[in-house]
N, C-alpha and C. Protein backbone atom coordinates (compact mmCIF):
# COMPACT_ATOMS: atom_id res chain seq x y z
N MET A 1 0.81 -1.10 -0.12
CA MET A 1 0.28 -0.28 -0.36
C MET A 1 0.74 1.07 -0.21
N ARG A 2 2.10 0.95 -0.02
CA ARG A 2 2.79 2.20 0.83
C ARG A 2 3.15 2.68 -0.73
N SER A 3 3.67 2.06 -1.68
CA SER A 3 4.11 1.93 -2.94
C SER A 3 2.20 3.18 -3.88
N VAL A 4 1.47 2.33 -3.33
CA VAL A 4 -0.28 3.04 -4.07
C VAL A 4 0.09 4.66 -3.12
N ASN A 5 0.25 4.93 -2.11
CA ASN A 5 0.06 5.98 -1.73
C ASN A 5 1.10 6.51 -1.97
N ARG A 6 2.33 6.36 -2.40
CA ARG A 6 2.82 7.63 -2.89
C ARG A 6 2.78 7.73 -4.34
N THR A 7 2.58 7.10 -5.06
CA THR A 7 2.45 7.37 -6.59
C THR A 7 0.62 6.49 -6.88
N SER A 8 0.21 7.53 -6.49
CA SER A 8 -1.46 7.13 -6.64
C SER A 8 -1.71 7.08 -7.85
N HIS A 9 -1.22 7.94 -8.80
CA HIS A 9 -1.53 8.41 -10.27
C HIS A 9 -1.49 7.07 -10.74
N VAL A 10 -0.17 5.99 -10.67
CA VAL A 10 0.50 4.99 -10.99
C VAL A 10 -0.87 3.96 -11.19
N PHE A 11 -1.43 4.08 -9.81
CA PHE A 11 -2.34 2.85 -9.26
C PHE A 11 -3.61 3.31 -9.87
N SER A 12 -3.82 4.70 -10.10
CA SER A 12 -5.34 5.23 -10.33
C SER A 12 -5.54 4.44 -11.96
N GLU A 13 -4.23 4.80 -13.26
CA GLU A 13 -3.99 4.29 -14.54
C GLU A 13 -4.21 2.28 -14.14
N PHE A 14 -3.41 2.31 -13.48
CA PHE A 14 -3.70 0.78 -13.52
C PHE A 14 -4.62 -0.01 -13.38
N ALA A 15 -5.89 0.68 -12.37
CA ALA A 15 -7.07 0.20 -11.97
C ALA A 15 -8.16 1.19 -13.15
N LYS A 16 -7.84 1.98 -13.62
CA LYS A 16 -9.13 2.66 -14.24
C LYS A 16 -10.23 1.76 -14.88
N LYS A 17 -9.64 0.40 -15.42
CA LYS A 17 -10.80 -0.39 -16.32
C LYS A 17 -11.35 -1.62 -15.03
N ASN A 18 -11.79 -1.04 -14.02
CA ASN A 18 -11.93 -1.81 -13.40
C ASN A 18 -13.77 -2.39 -13.23
N ILE A 19 -14.14 -3.48 -12.69
CA ILE A 19 -15.28 -3.91 -11.99
C ILE A 19 -15.85 -4.43 -10.99
N GLN A 20 -17.10 -4.38 -10.81
CA GLN A 20 -17.14 -4.51 -9.18
C GLN A 20 -17.92 -6.14 -8.86
N VAL A 21 -17.04 -7.11 -8.47
CA VAL A 21 -17.44 -8.34 -8.13
C VAL A 21 -17.93 -8.17 -6.85
N THR A 22 -18.40 -9.57 -6.45
CA THR A 22 -19.01 -10.26 -5.32
C THR A 22 -18.41 -11.71 -5.38
N LEU A 23 -17.19 -11.68 -4.34
CA LEU A 23 -16.93 -13.03 -3.85
C LEU A 23 -17.56 -13.56 -2.84
N ALA A 24 -17.53 -15.33 -2.97
CA ALA A 24 -17.70 -15.62 -1.55
C ALA A 24 -16.49 -15.93 -0.97
N GLY A 25 -16.40 -15.74 0.69
CA GLY A 25 -15.64 -15.91 0.73
C GLY A 25 -15.48 -17.55 2.21
N ASN A 26 -14.91 -17.82 2.58
CA ASN A 26 -14.33 -19.40 2.76
C ASN A 26 -15.73 -20.19 3.53
N HIS A 27 -16.59 -19.30 4.58
CA HIS A 27 -17.82 -19.33 5.14
C HIS A 27 -18.76 -18.88 4.87
N GLY A 28 -18.81 -18.70 3.62
CA GLY A 28 -20.55 -18.38 2.72
C GLY A 28 -20.67 -16.70 2.58
N GLU A 29 -19.61 -15.55 3.34
CA GLU A 29 -19.96 -14.49 3.50
C GLU A 29 -19.60 -14.00 2.14
N LEU A 30 -20.17 -12.82 1.97
CA LEU A 30 -20.01 -11.66 1.01
C LEU A 30 -19.44 -10.89 0.73
N ILE A 31 -17.82 -10.81 0.08
CA ILE A 31 -17.09 -10.33 -0.29
C ILE A 31 -17.31 -9.08 -1.25
N HIS A 32 -17.24 -7.80 -1.40
CA HIS A 32 -17.66 -6.77 -2.43
C HIS A 32 -16.49 -6.54 -2.81
N ALA A 33 -15.76 -6.18 -3.97
CA ALA A 33 -14.26 -5.87 -4.24
C ALA A 33 -14.40 -5.46 -5.88
N ALA A 34 -13.07 -4.74 -6.24
CA ALA A 34 -13.37 -4.45 -7.88
C ALA A 34 -12.03 -5.67 -8.47
N GLY A 35 -12.75 -5.96 -9.43
CA GLY A 35 -11.78 -6.40 -10.49
C GLY A 35 -11.17 -5.51 -11.64
N ILE A 36 -10.10 -6.05 -11.60
CA ILE A 36 -9.20 -5.25 -12.80
C ILE A 36 -8.03 -6.32 -13.44
N GLU A 37 -8.37 -5.76 -14.57
CA GLU A 37 -7.47 -6.67 -16.03
C GLU A 37 -6.17 -6.35 -15.98
N VAL A 38 -5.29 -7.01 -15.52
CA VAL A 38 -4.03 -7.86 -15.59
C VAL A 38 -3.68 -8.19 -17.02
N ASP A 39 -2.21 -7.28 -17.62
CA ASP A 39 -1.78 -7.95 -18.18
C ASP A 39 -0.59 -9.53 -17.81
N ARG A 40 -1.13 -10.70 -18.21
CA ARG A 40 -0.75 -11.43 -17.50
C ARG A 40 1.43 -11.66 -18.13
N ALA A 41 1.25 -11.86 -19.33
CA ALA A 41 2.66 -11.63 -20.14
C ALA A 41 3.39 -10.35 -19.16
N CYS A 42 2.59 -9.40 -19.38
CA CYS A 42 3.46 -7.99 -18.86
C CYS A 42 3.91 -8.54 -16.97
N PHE A 43 3.01 -8.91 -16.55
CA PHE A 43 3.01 -9.25 -14.96
C PHE A 43 3.93 -10.90 -14.66
N ASP A 44 3.68 -11.44 -15.51
CA ASP A 44 4.63 -12.83 -15.11
C ASP A 44 6.19 -12.25 -15.46
N SER A 45 6.50 -11.75 -16.52
CA SER A 45 7.77 -10.95 -16.69
C SER A 45 8.71 -10.28 -15.86
N ALA A 46 7.95 -9.63 -15.01
CA ALA A 46 7.94 -8.87 -14.07
C ALA A 46 8.69 -9.78 -13.53
N ILE A 47 7.67 -10.48 -12.90
CA ILE A 47 7.69 -11.68 -11.54
C ILE A 47 9.29 -12.25 -11.50
N GLU A 48 9.31 -12.45 -13.32
CA GLU A 48 10.57 -13.90 -13.20
C GLU A 48 11.58 -12.82 -13.37
N HIS A 49 11.79 -11.69 -13.75
CA HIS A 49 12.67 -10.97 -13.79
C HIS A 49 12.97 -10.55 -12.13
N ILE A 50 12.23 -10.28 -11.58
CA ILE A 50 12.52 -10.35 -9.81
C ILE A 50 13.12 -11.46 -9.69
N TYR A 51 12.17 -12.68 -9.94
CA TYR A 51 13.19 -14.01 -9.28
C TYR A 51 14.74 -14.02 -9.57
N HIS A 52 14.98 -13.80 -10.75
CA HIS A 52 16.20 -13.97 -11.23
C HIS A 52 17.10 -13.02 -10.53
N ALA A 53 16.63 -11.62 -9.99
CA ALA A 53 17.66 -10.86 -8.91
C ALA A 53 17.74 -11.08 -8.11
N LEU A 54 16.67 -12.25 -7.26
CA LEU A 54 16.83 -12.22 -5.90
C LEU A 54 17.92 -14.17 -6.05
N HIS A 55 16.83 -14.80 -7.01
CA HIS A 55 17.79 -15.65 -7.07
C HIS A 55 19.75 -15.22 -7.06
N TYR A 56 19.90 -15.03 -7.77
CA TYR A 56 21.69 -14.07 -8.20
C TYR A 56 21.75 -13.36 -6.74
N HIS A 57 21.38 -12.08 -5.63
CA HIS A 57 21.47 -11.97 -4.85
C HIS A 57 21.94 -13.22 -3.83
N LYS A 58 20.99 -13.95 -3.90
CA LYS A 58 20.92 -15.25 -2.63
C LYS A 58 22.07 -16.03 -2.67
N PHE A 59 22.09 -16.41 -4.05
CA PHE A 59 23.22 -17.66 -4.32
C PHE A 59 24.37 -17.46 -4.49
N ARG A 60 24.31 -16.28 -5.50
CA ARG A 60 25.52 -15.55 -6.24
C ARG A 60 26.24 -16.58 -8.01
N GLU A 61 25.00 -17.04 -7.95
CA GLU A 61 24.83 -17.97 -9.47
C GLU A 61 23.99 -17.36 -10.32
N LYS A 62 23.82 -17.39 -11.63
CA LYS A 62 22.91 -17.35 -12.36
C LYS A 62 21.40 -18.54 -12.44
N PHE A 63 20.55 -17.84 -12.24
CA PHE A 63 19.48 -18.92 -12.14
C PHE A 63 19.21 -19.55 -14.15
N THR A 64 19.42 -20.93 -14.12
CA THR A 64 19.15 -21.65 -15.43
C THR A 64 18.01 -22.25 -15.87
N GLY A 65 17.42 -22.71 -14.82
CA GLY A 65 15.88 -23.76 -14.41
C GLY A 65 14.83 -22.87 -15.41
N ASN A 66 13.62 -23.54 -15.47
CA ASN A 66 12.50 -22.77 -16.15
C ASN A 66 11.82 -22.37 -14.13
N ILE A 67 10.99 -21.16 -15.06
CA ILE A 67 10.11 -20.68 -13.90
C ILE A 67 8.75 -20.60 -14.41
N GLN A 68 7.79 -21.39 -13.78
CA GLN A 68 6.36 -21.34 -14.30
C GLN A 68 5.64 -19.82 -12.92
N ILE A 69 5.10 -18.77 -13.72
CA ILE A 69 4.57 -18.09 -12.39
C ILE A 69 2.93 -18.26 -12.24
N ILE A 70 3.07 -18.89 -10.69
CA ILE A 70 1.97 -19.33 -10.18
C ILE A 70 1.55 -18.09 -8.90
N THR A 71 0.08 -17.33 -8.85
CA THR A 71 -0.27 -16.70 -7.55
C THR A 71 -1.80 -17.08 -7.74
N ASN A 72 -1.89 -16.84 -6.21
CA ASN A 72 -2.79 -17.19 -6.03
C ASN A 72 -3.42 -15.77 -5.35
N GLY A 73 -2.87 -14.86 -5.91
CA GLY A 73 -3.40 -13.26 -5.69
C GLY A 73 -3.97 -13.02 -6.31
N LEU A 74 -3.43 -13.51 -7.91
CA LEU A 74 -4.45 -12.84 -8.58
C LEU A 74 -5.58 -14.44 -8.57
N ILE A 75 -7.03 -13.50 -9.26
CA ILE A 75 -7.58 -15.01 -9.72
C ILE A 75 -8.57 -14.40 -10.63
N ASP A 76 -8.93 -15.69 -11.41
CA ASP A 76 -9.88 -15.39 -12.77
C ASP A 76 -11.05 -15.25 -12.41
N ILE A 77 -11.87 -13.79 -13.04
CA ILE A 77 -13.10 -14.27 -13.09
C ILE A 77 -13.47 -13.85 -13.97
N SER A 78 -13.11 -14.11 -15.12
CA SER A 78 -13.91 -14.33 -16.62
C SER A 78 -13.77 -15.85 -17.73
N SER A 79 -13.35 -16.41 -17.20
CA SER A 79 -12.62 -17.96 -17.87
C SER A 79 -14.24 -18.90 -17.64
N GLN A 80 -14.87 -19.69 -18.75
CA GLN A 80 -15.95 -20.62 -17.95
C GLN A 80 -15.66 -21.36 -17.02
N ASP A 81 -14.35 -21.69 -17.04
CA ASP A 81 -14.14 -22.38 -15.92
C ASP A 81 -13.14 -22.21 -14.08
N CYS A 82 -13.27 -20.60 -14.62
CA CYS A 82 -12.55 -19.83 -13.32
C CYS A 82 -12.75 -20.43 -11.98
N ILE A 83 -14.14 -21.19 -11.47
CA ILE A 83 -13.82 -21.64 -10.03
C ILE A 83 -12.82 -22.56 -9.88
N ASP A 84 -13.00 -23.07 -10.73
CA ASP A 84 -12.12 -24.52 -11.00
C ASP A 84 -10.28 -23.72 -11.03
N ILE A 85 -10.01 -23.49 -11.64
CA ILE A 85 -9.11 -22.73 -11.97
C ILE A 85 -8.48 -21.76 -10.48
N ASN A 86 -9.19 -21.53 -10.44
CA ASN A 86 -9.26 -20.37 -8.86
C ASN A 86 -8.66 -21.46 -7.68
N LYS A 87 -9.41 -22.41 -7.83
CA LYS A 87 -9.49 -23.90 -6.72
C LYS A 87 -8.01 -23.86 -6.62
N LYS A 88 -7.35 -24.54 -7.90
CA LYS A 88 -6.22 -25.40 -7.97
C LYS A 88 -5.25 -24.25 -7.81
N LEU A 89 -5.53 -22.87 -7.99
CA LEU A 89 -4.17 -21.83 -7.96
C LEU A 89 -4.42 -21.87 -5.98
N HIS A 90 -5.30 -21.84 -5.55
CA HIS A 90 -5.55 -21.82 -4.01
C HIS A 90 -4.89 -22.26 -3.54
N ASP A 91 -5.16 -23.99 -3.77
CA ASP A 91 -4.67 -25.17 -3.19
C ASP A 91 -3.04 -25.25 -3.74
N PHE A 92 -3.07 -24.94 -4.48
CA PHE A 92 -1.01 -24.84 -4.60
C PHE A 92 -0.66 -24.00 -4.30
N GLY A 93 -1.30 -22.44 -3.86
CA GLY A 93 -0.39 -21.68 -2.79
C GLY A 93 -0.35 -22.21 -1.99
N PHE A 94 -1.52 -23.01 -0.73
CA PHE A 94 -1.66 -23.26 0.43
C PHE A 94 -0.20 -24.01 0.55
N PHE A 95 -0.38 -25.17 -0.48
CA PHE A 95 0.88 -26.76 -0.51
C PHE A 95 1.92 -25.35 -0.52
N VAL A 96 2.49 -24.12 -1.53
CA VAL A 96 4.14 -23.91 -1.40
C VAL A 96 4.31 -23.45 0.28
N ASP A 97 2.78 -22.06 0.44
CA ASP A 97 3.26 -22.02 1.67
C ASP A 97 3.72 -23.55 2.94
N LYS A 98 2.74 -24.65 2.61
CA LYS A 98 2.67 -25.12 3.91
C LYS A 98 4.37 -25.71 3.59
N ILE A 99 5.05 -25.58 2.09
CA ILE A 99 6.72 -25.65 2.08
C ILE A 99 7.70 -24.96 2.89
N LEU A 100 7.29 -24.00 2.52
CA LEU A 100 7.86 -22.44 2.99
C LEU A 100 7.95 -22.28 4.18
N THR A 101 6.79 -22.80 5.11
CA THR A 101 6.68 -22.40 6.30
C THR A 101 8.34 -22.48 7.10
N ASP A 102 9.00 -23.42 7.42
CA ASP A 102 10.23 -23.08 8.10
C ASP A 102 11.57 -22.02 7.89
N VAL A 103 11.13 -21.57 6.34
CA VAL A 103 12.58 -20.78 5.81
C VAL A 103 11.61 -19.41 5.85
N GLU A 104 12.81 -18.88 6.27
CA GLU A 104 12.93 -17.43 6.98
C GLU A 104 12.39 -16.46 5.89
N PRO A 105 11.74 -15.23 5.96
CA PRO A 105 11.43 -14.65 5.03
C PRO A 105 12.85 -13.63 5.01
N GLU A 106 13.33 -13.29 3.95
CA GLU A 106 14.10 -12.06 3.78
C GLU A 106 13.88 -10.96 3.07
N GLY A 107 14.46 -10.12 3.19
CA GLY A 107 14.29 -8.72 3.02
C GLY A 107 14.99 -7.07 3.46
N ASN A 108 15.21 -6.72 2.88
CA ASN A 108 16.16 -5.17 3.72
C ASN A 108 15.12 -4.88 4.15
N ASN A 109 13.74 -4.01 3.51
CA ASN A 109 12.70 -3.53 4.44
C ASN A 109 11.59 -4.41 3.89
N PRO A 110 11.29 -5.18 5.23
CA PRO A 110 10.31 -6.10 4.96
C PRO A 110 8.42 -5.46 5.08
N GLU A 111 8.87 -3.78 5.17
CA GLU A 111 7.81 -3.20 5.39
C GLU A 111 6.75 -3.15 4.23
N VAL A 112 7.98 -3.46 3.09
CA VAL A 112 7.43 -3.18 1.78
C VAL A 112 7.88 -4.33 1.02
N PHE A 113 8.79 -5.13 1.28
CA PHE A 113 8.91 -6.61 0.31
C PHE A 113 9.44 -7.78 1.08
N THR A 114 9.67 -8.82 1.29
CA THR A 114 9.59 -9.94 1.49
C THR A 114 10.12 -11.05 0.58
N SER A 115 11.26 -12.09 0.72
CA SER A 115 11.03 -13.58 0.04
C SER A 115 11.58 -14.47 0.67
N LYS A 116 10.71 -15.71 0.08
CA LYS A 116 10.97 -16.91 0.80
C LYS A 116 12.07 -17.82 -0.25
N ILE A 117 13.36 -17.94 -0.41
CA ILE A 117 13.81 -18.64 -1.15
C ILE A 117 14.45 -19.84 -0.72
N PHE A 118 14.52 -21.33 -1.56
CA PHE A 118 15.29 -21.96 -1.11
C PHE A 118 15.79 -23.16 -2.41
N LYS A 119 16.68 -23.86 -2.14
CA LYS A 119 17.15 -24.47 -3.33
C LYS A 119 16.76 -26.00 -3.21
N ALA A 120 15.91 -26.42 -3.84
CA ALA A 120 15.36 -28.25 -3.66
C ALA A 120 16.10 -28.88 -4.94
N TYR A 121 16.84 -29.76 -4.39
CA TYR A 121 18.05 -30.31 -5.23
C TYR A 121 17.54 -31.70 -5.39
N LYS A 122 17.48 -31.96 -7.16
CA LYS A 122 17.14 -32.93 -7.56
C LYS A 122 17.96 -34.26 -7.48
N PRO A 123 17.99 -35.40 -6.76
CA PRO A 123 18.98 -36.63 -6.97
C PRO A 123 19.30 -36.85 -7.68
N HIS A 124 20.54 -37.03 -8.40
CA HIS A 124 20.86 -37.50 -9.68
C HIS A 124 20.97 -39.44 -10.06
């Protein structure tokens, strides 16, 4: 939120194509929110670049593997199978959170950004 407060004109531009949505919470409560269109290719590219930088910073080596960006922070409200897709993304996010439970968050300014990174080695 700090970045939104500091550069509100950027957020206004980003969110100008919004639609009102009503979501059902875990206990059936209705949540009123706004849906915004996100350029997934641009978003995924930005996240991938951030990961490459974080990996290099932590391990002092270039990351050469494949990356698939999966976020449960964005939900699909437009496709016919969006409920199924969103459930799979939510479940996957829960699984990742569980794996990272014992990994300490890192970041120079935790109010703004933290990350959790670890290497999972494949046996040869």
